[in-house]
Amino acid sequence: MSGLTVGILGLQGDIEEHLSATSLALSRLGVEGEPSLVKSTDDAKRISALIIPGGESTVMGGLSSIKGILPTLRERITNGLPTLGTCAGMITLAKRVYDRVVGETSQTLIGTLDITVERNSFGRQRESFEADLKLDMPGGGGFHAVFIRAPSVKSLGQGVNELARLGDAVVAVQQGNMIATAFHPELSGSTILHEYLIRLAKADTVQA
C-alpha cells in the first residue's frame, strides 16, 4: 500500500495542532503516510483524507470559495473522502447552520453532512470549557474534550449517527466517512479521532 496523505485545510485555524496530532497518530498506528496542507484544488485532489480544523467557519468557507477549492472538496467528500471536521470544521461541513446569538447565517458551507448546527451553542470565548465525555465509536471510550465557542448539533438527518453527547447536546456525529466534533480533539492530547480517520482512509485505500 502506498503512503496516505492526510490533508489539513490550511487556510485558517488550528492547523499546526492538527499537523502534530496527525503525525503522532500515523506513528502510533504504524501507518506509512504524512500530513499535508490543502491550499489549492491540486492539493485537494491528491489527499487520502481531510481534516477541517477549528477556527472561524465564515473565514474558512469564504477563502475556500475565493480560492476555488470548495467545489473539489464538496465533490470529493460526497464521493466518500474520509473527513474530520472539528468545531468550525463541523459547521463548515453541515448542511444547515444558524447562530444562537445572531440567528440565521448566510455563510458559505461545504454542506455535505446532513445535520443542523447551532453556532456558539455554549456561549462565547469566555464560556469555553473542558469536559469528559464518551465516544461511541471503534477505539473510542472516555475522552477529555476541549470546547471553545463550540457549536452543537440540533438535528440529525437520515444516516447520521451520534458519537458523543454532553448532557442534552449532541457534540460528535458520523455520516459515512464524515466525522464531525463540536470540540477540539487536536488540543486534547489524545489522537483517538485522528487514528479513526486514518483507519477509514486506510480501509478505503485497501478496497480501491
N, C-alpha and C. Protein backbone atom coordinates (compact mmCIF):
# COMPACT_ATOMS: atom_id res chain seq x y z
N MET A 1 0.83 -1.18 0.00
CA MET A 1 0.00 0.00 0.00
C MET A 1 0.87 1.24 0.00
N SER A 2 0.56 2.22 -0.83
CA SER A 2 1.30 3.46 -0.83
C SER A 2 0.92 4.27 0.40
N GLY A 3 1.75 5.23 0.74
CA GLY A 3 1.51 6.03 1.94
C GLY A 3 0.28 6.91 1.80
N LEU A 4 -0.35 7.18 2.94
CA LEU A 4 -1.54 8.05 2.96
C LEU A 4 -1.11 9.51 3.05
N THR A 5 -1.83 10.36 2.37
CA THR A 5 -1.66 11.80 2.52
C THR A 5 -2.90 12.35 3.22
N VAL A 6 -2.72 12.76 4.47
CA VAL A 6 -3.83 13.29 5.25
C VAL A 6 -3.81 14.81 5.11
N GLY A 7 -4.75 15.34 4.37
CA GLY A 7 -4.79 16.77 4.12
C GLY A 7 -5.42 17.53 5.27
N ILE A 8 -4.88 18.69 5.54
CA ILE A 8 -5.45 19.60 6.54
C ILE A 8 -5.73 20.92 5.84
N LEU A 9 -6.99 21.31 5.82
CA LEU A 9 -7.34 22.57 5.16
C LEU A 9 -6.52 23.69 5.79
N GLY A 10 -5.62 24.25 4.99
CA GLY A 10 -4.59 25.13 5.55
C GLY A 10 -4.84 26.61 5.30
N LEU A 11 -6.06 27.03 5.46
CA LEU A 11 -6.39 28.43 5.19
C LEU A 11 -6.47 29.27 6.46
N GLN A 12 -6.89 28.65 7.57
CA GLN A 12 -7.11 29.42 8.80
C GLN A 12 -7.44 28.44 9.92
N GLY A 13 -7.05 28.74 11.16
CA GLY A 13 -7.46 27.93 12.29
C GLY A 13 -6.33 27.12 12.89
N ASP A 14 -6.72 26.03 13.59
CA ASP A 14 -5.77 25.20 14.33
C ASP A 14 -5.00 24.25 13.41
N ILE A 15 -4.24 24.79 12.52
CA ILE A 15 -3.56 23.98 11.51
C ILE A 15 -2.37 23.23 12.11
N GLU A 16 -1.50 23.94 12.80
CA GLU A 16 -0.29 23.31 13.34
C GLU A 16 -0.64 22.20 14.32
N GLU A 17 -1.67 22.42 15.13
CA GLU A 17 -2.07 21.41 16.12
C GLU A 17 -2.53 20.13 15.43
N HIS A 18 -3.25 20.27 14.33
CA HIS A 18 -3.69 19.07 13.60
C HIS A 18 -2.53 18.40 12.86
N LEU A 19 -1.58 19.18 12.39
CA LEU A 19 -0.39 18.58 11.76
C LEU A 19 0.33 17.69 12.77
N SER A 20 0.51 18.19 13.98
CA SER A 20 1.21 17.42 15.02
C SER A 20 0.43 16.18 15.42
N ALA A 21 -0.89 16.35 15.63
CA ALA A 21 -1.71 15.22 16.05
C ALA A 21 -1.77 14.14 14.97
N THR A 22 -1.82 14.56 13.71
CA THR A 22 -1.88 13.59 12.61
C THR A 22 -0.56 12.83 12.49
N SER A 23 0.56 13.52 12.60
CA SER A 23 1.86 12.85 12.56
C SER A 23 1.97 11.82 13.67
N LEU A 24 1.51 12.20 14.87
CA LEU A 24 1.57 11.29 16.01
C LEU A 24 0.64 10.09 15.80
N ALA A 25 -0.54 10.34 15.25
CA ALA A 25 -1.49 9.24 15.01
C ALA A 25 -0.95 8.26 13.98
N LEU A 26 -0.35 8.77 12.91
CA LEU A 26 0.25 7.88 11.90
C LEU A 26 1.34 7.02 12.53
N SER A 27 2.15 7.65 13.37
CA SER A 27 3.23 6.92 14.04
C SER A 27 2.68 5.85 14.98
N ARG A 28 1.67 6.19 15.76
CA ARG A 28 1.10 5.24 16.72
C ARG A 28 0.48 4.04 16.02
N LEU A 29 -0.10 4.28 14.85
CA LEU A 29 -0.74 3.19 14.10
C LEU A 29 0.27 2.42 13.25
N GLY A 30 1.46 2.97 13.09
CA GLY A 30 2.46 2.34 12.23
C GLY A 30 2.06 2.39 10.76
N VAL A 31 1.35 3.45 10.39
CA VAL A 31 0.87 3.60 9.01
C VAL A 31 1.81 4.55 8.26
N GLU A 32 2.22 4.12 7.08
CA GLU A 32 3.06 4.98 6.25
C GLU A 32 2.22 6.13 5.70
N GLY A 33 2.69 7.34 5.88
CA GLY A 33 1.94 8.48 5.38
C GLY A 33 2.45 9.77 5.96
N GLU A 34 1.80 10.86 5.59
CA GLU A 34 2.22 12.17 6.08
C GLU A 34 1.05 13.14 6.04
N PRO A 35 1.05 14.11 6.95
CA PRO A 35 0.05 15.19 6.85
C PRO A 35 0.51 16.20 5.82
N SER A 36 -0.44 16.87 5.21
CA SER A 36 -0.11 17.83 4.16
C SER A 36 -1.16 18.93 4.13
N LEU A 37 -0.72 20.17 3.95
CA LEU A 37 -1.66 21.27 3.90
C LEU A 37 -2.43 21.29 2.58
N VAL A 38 -3.69 21.63 2.66
CA VAL A 38 -4.53 21.79 1.47
C VAL A 38 -4.84 23.27 1.31
N LYS A 39 -4.26 23.85 0.26
CA LYS A 39 -4.49 25.28 -0.01
C LYS A 39 -4.95 25.54 -1.44
N SER A 40 -5.00 24.48 -2.24
CA SER A 40 -5.37 24.65 -3.65
C SER A 40 -6.19 23.46 -4.12
N THR A 41 -6.77 23.60 -5.30
CA THR A 41 -7.53 22.49 -5.88
C THR A 41 -6.64 21.28 -6.13
N ASP A 42 -5.42 21.51 -6.61
CA ASP A 42 -4.49 20.39 -6.83
C ASP A 42 -4.20 19.66 -5.53
N ASP A 43 -4.00 20.41 -4.44
CA ASP A 43 -3.79 19.77 -3.14
C ASP A 43 -4.98 18.89 -2.78
N ALA A 44 -6.18 19.41 -3.01
CA ALA A 44 -7.41 18.69 -2.61
C ALA A 44 -7.60 17.41 -3.42
N LYS A 45 -7.05 17.36 -4.62
CA LYS A 45 -7.25 16.18 -5.48
C LYS A 45 -6.36 15.01 -5.09
N ARG A 46 -5.27 15.25 -4.37
CA ARG A 46 -4.30 14.18 -4.14
C ARG A 46 -4.32 13.62 -2.72
N ILE A 47 -5.24 14.06 -1.88
CA ILE A 47 -5.24 13.61 -0.49
C ILE A 47 -6.05 12.32 -0.32
N SER A 48 -5.70 11.58 0.76
CA SER A 48 -6.40 10.33 1.09
C SER A 48 -7.45 10.56 2.18
N ALA A 49 -7.35 11.66 2.88
CA ALA A 49 -8.29 12.03 3.94
C ALA A 49 -8.15 13.53 4.16
N LEU A 50 -9.14 14.11 4.84
CA LEU A 50 -9.15 15.57 5.03
C LEU A 50 -9.54 15.91 6.46
N ILE A 51 -8.85 16.90 7.02
CA ILE A 51 -9.23 17.47 8.30
C ILE A 51 -9.57 18.95 8.08
N ILE A 52 -10.75 19.35 8.54
CA ILE A 52 -11.13 20.76 8.50
C ILE A 52 -11.04 21.26 9.94
N PRO A 53 -10.09 22.15 10.22
CA PRO A 53 -9.79 22.49 11.62
C PRO A 53 -10.80 23.44 12.23
N GLY A 54 -10.63 23.66 13.55
CA GLY A 54 -11.35 24.72 14.21
C GLY A 54 -10.79 26.07 13.82
N GLY A 55 -11.56 27.10 14.03
CA GLY A 55 -11.14 28.46 13.65
C GLY A 55 -12.36 29.32 13.46
N GLU A 56 -12.40 30.05 12.36
CA GLU A 56 -13.55 30.89 12.02
C GLU A 56 -14.23 30.29 10.80
N SER A 57 -15.40 29.72 11.00
CA SER A 57 -16.05 29.00 9.89
C SER A 57 -16.39 29.93 8.73
N THR A 58 -16.74 31.18 9.03
CA THR A 58 -17.07 32.10 7.93
C THR A 58 -15.84 32.42 7.10
N VAL A 59 -14.69 32.55 7.75
CA VAL A 59 -13.44 32.84 7.03
C VAL A 59 -13.02 31.64 6.19
N MET A 60 -13.06 30.44 6.77
CA MET A 60 -12.64 29.25 6.03
C MET A 60 -13.55 29.01 4.83
N GLY A 61 -14.85 29.15 5.04
CA GLY A 61 -15.77 28.95 3.91
C GLY A 61 -15.54 29.98 2.82
N GLY A 62 -15.36 31.25 3.23
CA GLY A 62 -15.14 32.30 2.25
C GLY A 62 -13.85 32.12 1.48
N LEU A 63 -12.76 31.80 2.17
CA LEU A 63 -11.47 31.61 1.50
C LEU A 63 -11.50 30.38 0.58
N SER A 64 -12.16 29.32 1.03
CA SER A 64 -12.27 28.13 0.18
C SER A 64 -12.99 28.46 -1.13
N SER A 65 -13.99 29.31 -1.02
CA SER A 65 -14.72 29.71 -2.22
C SER A 65 -13.86 30.60 -3.11
N ILE A 66 -13.21 31.58 -2.52
CA ILE A 66 -12.37 32.53 -3.29
C ILE A 66 -11.25 31.78 -4.00
N LYS A 67 -10.63 30.83 -3.34
CA LYS A 67 -9.52 30.09 -3.93
C LYS A 67 -9.97 28.99 -4.88
N GLY A 68 -11.26 28.78 -4.99
CA GLY A 68 -11.80 27.79 -5.93
C GLY A 68 -11.69 26.36 -5.47
N ILE A 69 -11.41 26.14 -4.18
CA ILE A 69 -11.24 24.77 -3.66
C ILE A 69 -12.58 24.12 -3.36
N LEU A 70 -13.58 24.93 -3.05
CA LEU A 70 -14.84 24.43 -2.49
C LEU A 70 -15.51 23.35 -3.36
N PRO A 71 -15.64 23.55 -4.69
CA PRO A 71 -16.30 22.50 -5.48
C PRO A 71 -15.57 21.17 -5.43
N THR A 72 -14.23 21.21 -5.43
CA THR A 72 -13.46 19.96 -5.39
C THR A 72 -13.62 19.29 -4.04
N LEU A 73 -13.56 20.06 -2.95
CA LEU A 73 -13.77 19.48 -1.62
C LEU A 73 -15.16 18.86 -1.53
N ARG A 74 -16.16 19.59 -2.00
CA ARG A 74 -17.54 19.10 -1.92
C ARG A 74 -17.70 17.80 -2.71
N GLU A 75 -17.11 17.76 -3.90
CA GLU A 75 -17.22 16.56 -4.74
C GLU A 75 -16.50 15.37 -4.10
N ARG A 76 -15.29 15.60 -3.61
CA ARG A 76 -14.52 14.50 -3.04
C ARG A 76 -15.17 13.97 -1.76
N ILE A 77 -15.65 14.85 -0.91
CA ILE A 77 -16.31 14.40 0.34
C ILE A 77 -17.60 13.66 0.01
N THR A 78 -18.37 14.17 -0.93
CA THR A 78 -19.60 13.50 -1.34
C THR A 78 -19.31 12.10 -1.87
N ASN A 79 -18.16 11.94 -2.52
CA ASN A 79 -17.79 10.64 -3.08
C ASN A 79 -17.05 9.75 -2.09
N GLY A 80 -17.00 10.15 -0.82
CA GLY A 80 -16.51 9.24 0.21
C GLY A 80 -15.15 9.55 0.81
N LEU A 81 -14.56 10.68 0.50
CA LEU A 81 -13.27 11.02 1.10
C LEU A 81 -13.41 11.07 2.62
N PRO A 82 -12.66 10.24 3.37
CA PRO A 82 -12.73 10.31 4.83
C PRO A 82 -12.39 11.72 5.31
N THR A 83 -13.27 12.29 6.11
CA THR A 83 -13.14 13.70 6.50
C THR A 83 -13.49 13.87 7.97
N LEU A 84 -12.66 14.65 8.66
CA LEU A 84 -12.90 15.00 10.06
C LEU A 84 -13.03 16.52 10.16
N GLY A 85 -14.18 17.00 10.61
CA GLY A 85 -14.38 18.43 10.83
C GLY A 85 -14.47 18.70 12.32
N THR A 86 -13.66 19.63 12.82
CA THR A 86 -13.63 19.90 14.25
C THR A 86 -14.06 21.35 14.52
N CYS A 87 -15.04 21.52 15.38
CA CYS A 87 -15.58 22.83 15.80
C CYS A 87 -16.03 23.62 14.55
N ALA A 88 -15.27 24.61 14.12
CA ALA A 88 -15.65 25.33 12.91
C ALA A 88 -15.71 24.39 11.70
N GLY A 89 -14.91 23.33 11.75
CA GLY A 89 -14.96 22.33 10.67
C GLY A 89 -16.29 21.62 10.64
N MET A 90 -16.88 21.36 11.82
CA MET A 90 -18.22 20.78 11.88
C MET A 90 -19.22 21.72 11.23
N ILE A 91 -19.12 23.00 11.55
CA ILE A 91 -20.03 23.99 10.98
C ILE A 91 -19.89 24.02 9.45
N THR A 92 -18.66 24.01 8.98
CA THR A 92 -18.41 24.10 7.53
C THR A 92 -18.95 22.89 6.78
N LEU A 93 -18.93 21.72 7.44
CA LEU A 93 -19.44 20.50 6.80
C LEU A 93 -20.97 20.44 6.78
N ALA A 94 -21.62 21.12 7.73
CA ALA A 94 -23.06 20.97 7.93
C ALA A 94 -23.87 21.51 6.75
N LYS A 95 -25.06 20.92 6.58
CA LYS A 95 -25.96 21.42 5.53
C LYS A 95 -26.72 22.66 5.98
N ARG A 96 -26.98 22.76 7.30
CA ARG A 96 -27.79 23.88 7.81
C ARG A 96 -27.13 24.45 9.07
N VAL A 97 -27.03 25.78 9.13
CA VAL A 97 -26.36 26.44 10.25
C VAL A 97 -27.13 27.69 10.66
N TYR A 98 -27.25 27.89 11.96
CA TYR A 98 -27.70 29.17 12.47
C TYR A 98 -26.89 29.51 13.71
N ASP A 99 -26.94 30.75 14.13
CA ASP A 99 -26.17 31.20 15.29
C ASP A 99 -27.11 31.45 16.46
N ARG A 100 -26.71 30.96 17.64
CA ARG A 100 -27.56 31.11 18.82
C ARG A 100 -27.79 32.58 19.16
N VAL A 101 -26.82 33.44 18.80
CA VAL A 101 -26.90 34.86 19.16
C VAL A 101 -27.53 35.68 18.04
N VAL A 102 -27.05 35.49 16.80
CA VAL A 102 -27.49 36.38 15.71
C VAL A 102 -28.53 35.74 14.80
N GLY A 103 -28.86 34.47 15.02
CA GLY A 103 -29.89 33.84 14.22
C GLY A 103 -29.37 33.25 12.93
N GLU A 104 -30.15 33.39 11.86
CA GLU A 104 -29.80 32.77 10.58
C GLU A 104 -28.49 33.33 10.04
N THR A 105 -27.71 32.46 9.40
CA THR A 105 -26.46 32.88 8.77
C THR A 105 -26.56 32.60 7.28
N SER A 106 -25.76 33.31 6.51
CA SER A 106 -25.72 33.07 5.07
C SER A 106 -24.31 32.71 4.63
N GLN A 107 -23.56 32.09 5.55
CA GLN A 107 -22.17 31.79 5.28
C GLN A 107 -22.01 30.68 4.25
N THR A 108 -20.84 30.65 3.63
CA THR A 108 -20.52 29.62 2.63
C THR A 108 -20.15 28.33 3.34
N LEU A 109 -20.78 27.22 2.92
CA LEU A 109 -20.57 25.93 3.55
C LEU A 109 -20.17 24.89 2.51
N ILE A 110 -19.47 23.84 2.95
CA ILE A 110 -19.31 22.66 2.10
C ILE A 110 -20.66 21.96 2.00
N GLY A 111 -21.34 21.83 3.15
CA GLY A 111 -22.74 21.40 3.15
C GLY A 111 -23.00 19.97 2.74
N THR A 112 -22.12 19.05 3.15
CA THR A 112 -22.29 17.65 2.78
C THR A 112 -22.81 16.78 3.92
N LEU A 113 -22.75 17.26 5.14
CA LEU A 113 -23.14 16.48 6.32
C LEU A 113 -24.56 16.88 6.72
N ASP A 114 -25.45 15.88 6.77
CA ASP A 114 -26.88 16.17 6.93
C ASP A 114 -27.23 16.42 8.39
N ILE A 115 -26.78 17.55 8.89
CA ILE A 115 -27.09 17.97 10.26
C ILE A 115 -27.43 19.46 10.26
N THR A 116 -28.14 19.86 11.32
CA THR A 116 -28.34 21.29 11.59
C THR A 116 -27.49 21.66 12.79
N VAL A 117 -26.66 22.67 12.63
CA VAL A 117 -25.72 23.07 13.67
C VAL A 117 -26.09 24.45 14.21
N GLU A 118 -26.00 24.58 15.52
CA GLU A 118 -26.14 25.88 16.17
C GLU A 118 -24.76 26.39 16.55
N ARG A 119 -24.34 27.52 15.98
CA ARG A 119 -23.06 28.11 16.33
C ARG A 119 -23.11 28.73 17.73
N ASN A 120 -21.94 28.78 18.38
CA ASN A 120 -21.85 29.40 19.71
C ASN A 120 -22.89 28.83 20.67
N SER A 121 -23.08 27.52 20.59
CA SER A 121 -24.17 26.88 21.32
C SER A 121 -23.96 26.94 22.84
N PHE A 122 -22.69 27.00 23.27
CA PHE A 122 -22.38 27.03 24.70
C PHE A 122 -21.91 28.42 25.15
N GLY A 123 -22.06 29.42 24.28
CA GLY A 123 -21.63 30.77 24.64
C GLY A 123 -20.39 31.20 23.88
N ARG A 124 -19.90 32.37 24.20
CA ARG A 124 -18.76 32.97 23.52
C ARG A 124 -17.43 32.46 24.10
N GLN A 125 -16.33 33.08 23.68
CA GLN A 125 -14.99 32.63 24.04
C GLN A 125 -14.82 32.47 25.55
N ARG A 126 -15.33 33.43 26.33
CA ARG A 126 -15.13 33.38 27.77
C ARG A 126 -15.89 32.23 28.43
N GLU A 127 -16.84 31.66 27.72
CA GLU A 127 -17.57 30.50 28.26
C GLU A 127 -16.96 29.17 27.82
N SER A 128 -15.76 29.20 27.23
CA SER A 128 -15.10 27.97 26.81
C SER A 128 -14.80 27.10 28.03
N PHE A 129 -14.75 25.78 27.81
CA PHE A 129 -14.60 24.87 28.94
C PHE A 129 -14.06 23.53 28.47
N GLU A 130 -13.74 22.67 29.42
CA GLU A 130 -13.33 21.30 29.14
C GLU A 130 -14.28 20.34 29.85
N ALA A 131 -14.47 19.16 29.27
CA ALA A 131 -15.41 18.21 29.86
C ALA A 131 -15.04 16.79 29.45
N ASP A 132 -15.37 15.83 30.29
CA ASP A 132 -15.18 14.43 29.97
C ASP A 132 -16.46 13.88 29.35
N LEU A 133 -16.28 13.12 28.27
CA LEU A 133 -17.43 12.50 27.62
C LEU A 133 -17.02 11.13 27.08
N LYS A 134 -17.96 10.43 26.51
CA LYS A 134 -17.70 9.09 25.97
C LYS A 134 -17.90 9.11 24.47
N LEU A 135 -16.90 8.60 23.75
CA LEU A 135 -17.00 8.48 22.30
C LEU A 135 -17.51 7.09 21.94
N ASP A 136 -18.67 7.02 21.31
CA ASP A 136 -19.29 5.75 20.93
C ASP A 136 -18.87 5.39 19.51
N MET A 137 -17.64 4.89 19.38
CA MET A 137 -17.07 4.56 18.07
C MET A 137 -15.95 3.55 18.27
N PRO A 138 -15.54 2.84 17.21
CA PRO A 138 -14.43 1.90 17.34
C PRO A 138 -13.18 2.59 17.89
N GLY A 139 -12.58 2.02 18.93
CA GLY A 139 -11.40 2.62 19.52
C GLY A 139 -11.72 3.78 20.44
N GLY A 140 -13.01 4.05 20.66
CA GLY A 140 -13.43 5.19 21.47
C GLY A 140 -13.33 4.93 22.95
N GLY A 141 -14.30 5.44 23.71
CA GLY A 141 -14.25 5.34 25.16
C GLY A 141 -14.23 6.72 25.77
N GLY A 142 -13.63 6.84 26.94
CA GLY A 142 -13.57 8.13 27.62
C GLY A 142 -12.69 9.12 26.86
N PHE A 143 -13.12 10.38 26.86
CA PHE A 143 -12.39 11.41 26.10
C PHE A 143 -12.51 12.73 26.84
N HIS A 144 -11.36 13.39 27.03
CA HIS A 144 -11.37 14.71 27.66
C HIS A 144 -11.41 15.76 26.56
N ALA A 145 -12.54 16.45 26.44
CA ALA A 145 -12.79 17.31 25.28
C ALA A 145 -12.63 18.79 25.65
N VAL A 146 -12.08 19.55 24.70
CA VAL A 146 -11.88 20.99 24.85
C VAL A 146 -12.90 21.71 23.96
N PHE A 147 -13.76 22.52 24.59
CA PHE A 147 -14.80 23.25 23.86
C PHE A 147 -14.46 24.74 23.86
N ILE A 148 -14.34 25.32 22.66
CA ILE A 148 -14.04 26.75 22.52
C ILE A 148 -15.08 27.38 21.59
N ARG A 149 -15.92 28.23 22.14
CA ARG A 149 -17.01 28.82 21.34
C ARG A 149 -17.68 27.73 20.51
N ALA A 150 -18.03 26.65 21.17
CA ALA A 150 -18.39 25.43 20.46
C ALA A 150 -19.82 25.44 19.92
N PRO A 151 -20.00 24.79 18.78
CA PRO A 151 -21.35 24.56 18.27
C PRO A 151 -21.94 23.30 18.90
N SER A 152 -23.17 22.99 18.58
CA SER A 152 -23.74 21.68 18.88
C SER A 152 -24.70 21.31 17.75
N VAL A 153 -25.03 20.03 17.69
CA VAL A 153 -25.89 19.52 16.62
C VAL A 153 -27.33 19.53 17.12
N LYS A 154 -28.21 20.21 16.41
CA LYS A 154 -29.60 20.33 16.83
C LYS A 154 -30.52 19.33 16.15
N SER A 155 -30.14 18.85 14.97
CA SER A 155 -30.93 17.79 14.34
C SER A 155 -30.03 16.98 13.42
N LEU A 156 -30.36 15.68 13.34
CA LEU A 156 -29.58 14.74 12.55
C LEU A 156 -30.45 14.21 11.41
N GLY A 157 -29.93 14.23 10.21
CA GLY A 157 -30.63 13.66 9.08
C GLY A 157 -30.50 12.14 9.05
N GLN A 158 -31.14 11.55 8.06
CA GLN A 158 -31.08 10.09 7.92
C GLN A 158 -29.66 9.65 7.64
N GLY A 159 -29.23 8.60 8.35
CA GLY A 159 -27.89 8.06 8.13
C GLY A 159 -26.80 8.73 8.94
N VAL A 160 -27.18 9.67 9.81
CA VAL A 160 -26.20 10.33 10.68
C VAL A 160 -26.26 9.67 12.06
N ASN A 161 -25.12 9.20 12.54
CA ASN A 161 -25.06 8.55 13.85
C ASN A 161 -24.45 9.47 14.89
N GLU A 162 -25.01 9.43 16.07
CA GLU A 162 -24.49 10.21 17.20
C GLU A 162 -23.29 9.48 17.80
N LEU A 163 -22.15 10.16 17.93
CA LEU A 163 -20.95 9.55 18.51
C LEU A 163 -20.71 10.00 19.95
N ALA A 164 -21.19 11.19 20.30
CA ALA A 164 -20.96 11.68 21.66
C ALA A 164 -22.00 12.73 22.01
N ARG A 165 -22.28 12.80 23.29
CA ARG A 165 -23.28 13.74 23.80
C ARG A 165 -22.72 14.35 25.09
N LEU A 166 -23.00 15.63 25.29
CA LEU A 166 -22.66 16.31 26.53
C LEU A 166 -23.95 16.83 27.13
N GLY A 167 -24.43 16.14 28.16
CA GLY A 167 -25.76 16.47 28.67
C GLY A 167 -26.79 16.17 27.59
N ASP A 168 -27.58 17.19 27.26
CA ASP A 168 -28.59 17.02 26.21
C ASP A 168 -28.07 17.36 24.82
N ALA A 169 -26.84 17.83 24.74
CA ALA A 169 -26.30 18.32 23.46
C ALA A 169 -25.51 17.24 22.73
N VAL A 170 -25.80 17.05 21.44
CA VAL A 170 -25.01 16.15 20.59
C VAL A 170 -23.77 16.91 20.15
N VAL A 171 -22.59 16.31 20.41
CA VAL A 171 -21.34 17.04 20.16
C VAL A 171 -20.38 16.27 19.24
N ALA A 172 -20.77 15.11 18.76
CA ALA A 172 -19.96 14.41 17.76
C ALA A 172 -20.87 13.49 16.96
N VAL A 173 -20.67 13.45 15.64
CA VAL A 173 -21.53 12.64 14.77
C VAL A 173 -20.68 12.02 13.66
N GLN A 174 -21.28 11.02 13.01
CA GLN A 174 -20.64 10.41 11.83
C GLN A 174 -21.73 10.08 10.81
N GLN A 175 -21.44 10.40 9.58
CA GLN A 175 -22.28 10.00 8.45
C GLN A 175 -21.35 9.44 7.37
N GLY A 176 -21.40 8.13 7.16
CA GLY A 176 -20.47 7.53 6.22
C GLY A 176 -19.04 7.78 6.65
N ASN A 177 -18.25 8.34 5.75
CA ASN A 177 -16.85 8.63 6.06
C ASN A 177 -16.63 10.02 6.64
N MET A 178 -17.72 10.73 6.93
CA MET A 178 -17.60 12.06 7.53
C MET A 178 -17.77 11.98 9.05
N ILE A 179 -16.82 12.56 9.78
CA ILE A 179 -16.89 12.66 11.24
C ILE A 179 -16.84 14.14 11.59
N ALA A 180 -17.64 14.55 12.55
CA ALA A 180 -17.61 15.95 12.96
C ALA A 180 -17.73 16.04 14.47
N THR A 181 -16.92 16.93 15.06
CA THR A 181 -16.95 17.13 16.51
C THR A 181 -17.13 18.61 16.81
N ALA A 182 -17.87 18.90 17.88
CA ALA A 182 -18.04 20.28 18.32
C ALA A 182 -16.82 20.77 19.09
N PHE A 183 -15.98 19.82 19.51
CA PHE A 183 -14.81 20.14 20.33
C PHE A 183 -13.53 20.02 19.52
N HIS A 184 -12.40 20.27 20.18
CA HIS A 184 -11.10 20.31 19.52
C HIS A 184 -10.26 19.10 19.92
N PRO A 185 -10.32 17.99 19.21
CA PRO A 185 -9.51 16.83 19.59
C PRO A 185 -8.01 17.09 19.47
N GLU A 186 -7.63 18.04 18.63
CA GLU A 186 -6.20 18.34 18.44
C GLU A 186 -5.60 19.01 19.68
N LEU A 187 -6.45 19.47 20.61
CA LEU A 187 -5.96 20.12 21.83
C LEU A 187 -6.11 19.22 23.05
N SER A 188 -6.57 17.98 22.84
CA SER A 188 -6.91 17.11 23.96
C SER A 188 -5.74 16.27 24.45
N GLY A 189 -4.71 16.12 23.64
CA GLY A 189 -3.62 15.21 23.97
C GLY A 189 -3.90 13.79 23.52
N SER A 190 -5.11 13.53 23.03
CA SER A 190 -5.49 12.22 22.51
C SER A 190 -5.50 12.25 20.98
N THR A 191 -5.12 11.13 20.37
CA THR A 191 -5.18 11.04 18.90
C THR A 191 -6.24 10.03 18.44
N ILE A 192 -7.19 9.70 19.33
CA ILE A 192 -8.20 8.69 19.00
C ILE A 192 -8.95 9.04 17.72
N LEU A 193 -9.38 10.28 17.59
CA LEU A 193 -10.17 10.65 16.41
C LEU A 193 -9.30 10.74 15.16
N HIS A 194 -8.08 11.20 15.29
CA HIS A 194 -7.17 11.22 14.14
C HIS A 194 -6.86 9.78 13.69
N GLU A 195 -6.69 8.89 14.65
CA GLU A 195 -6.43 7.49 14.31
C GLU A 195 -7.65 6.88 13.61
N TYR A 196 -8.83 7.22 14.07
CA TYR A 196 -10.05 6.69 13.44
C TYR A 196 -10.15 7.17 11.99
N LEU A 197 -9.83 8.45 11.75
CA LEU A 197 -9.85 8.97 10.38
C LEU A 197 -8.84 8.22 9.51
N ILE A 198 -7.66 7.98 10.04
CA ILE A 198 -6.62 7.27 9.27
C ILE A 198 -7.06 5.84 8.97
N ARG A 199 -7.73 5.20 9.94
CA ARG A 199 -8.23 3.84 9.68
C ARG A 199 -9.26 3.85 8.55
N LEU A 200 -10.13 4.85 8.53
CA LEU A 200 -11.11 4.95 7.44
C LEU A 200 -10.40 5.14 6.10
N ALA A 201 -9.38 5.98 6.08
CA ALA A 201 -8.64 6.23 4.83
C ALA A 201 -7.88 4.98 4.39
N LYS A 202 -7.31 4.28 5.35
CA LYS A 202 -6.57 3.06 5.04
C LYS A 202 -7.51 2.00 4.47
N ALA A 203 -8.70 1.86 5.08
CA ALA A 203 -9.68 0.89 4.57
C ALA A 203 -10.08 1.24 3.15
N ASP A 204 -10.28 2.51 2.87
CA ASP A 204 -10.65 2.94 1.52
C ASP A 204 -9.55 2.60 0.53
N THR A 205 -8.30 2.79 0.94
CA THR A 205 -7.17 2.51 0.04
C THR A 205 -7.08 1.03 -0.26
N VAL A 206 -7.28 0.20 0.77
CA VAL A 206 -7.22 -1.25 0.57
C VAL A 206 -8.32 -1.70 -0.39
N GLN A 207 -9.55 -1.15 -0.19
CA GLN A 207 -10.67 -1.53 -1.05
C GLN A 207 -10.44 -1.11 -2.49
N ALA A 208 -9.79 0.09 -2.66
CA ALA A 208 -9.52 0.56 -4.02
C ALA A 208 -8.51 -0.33 -4.72
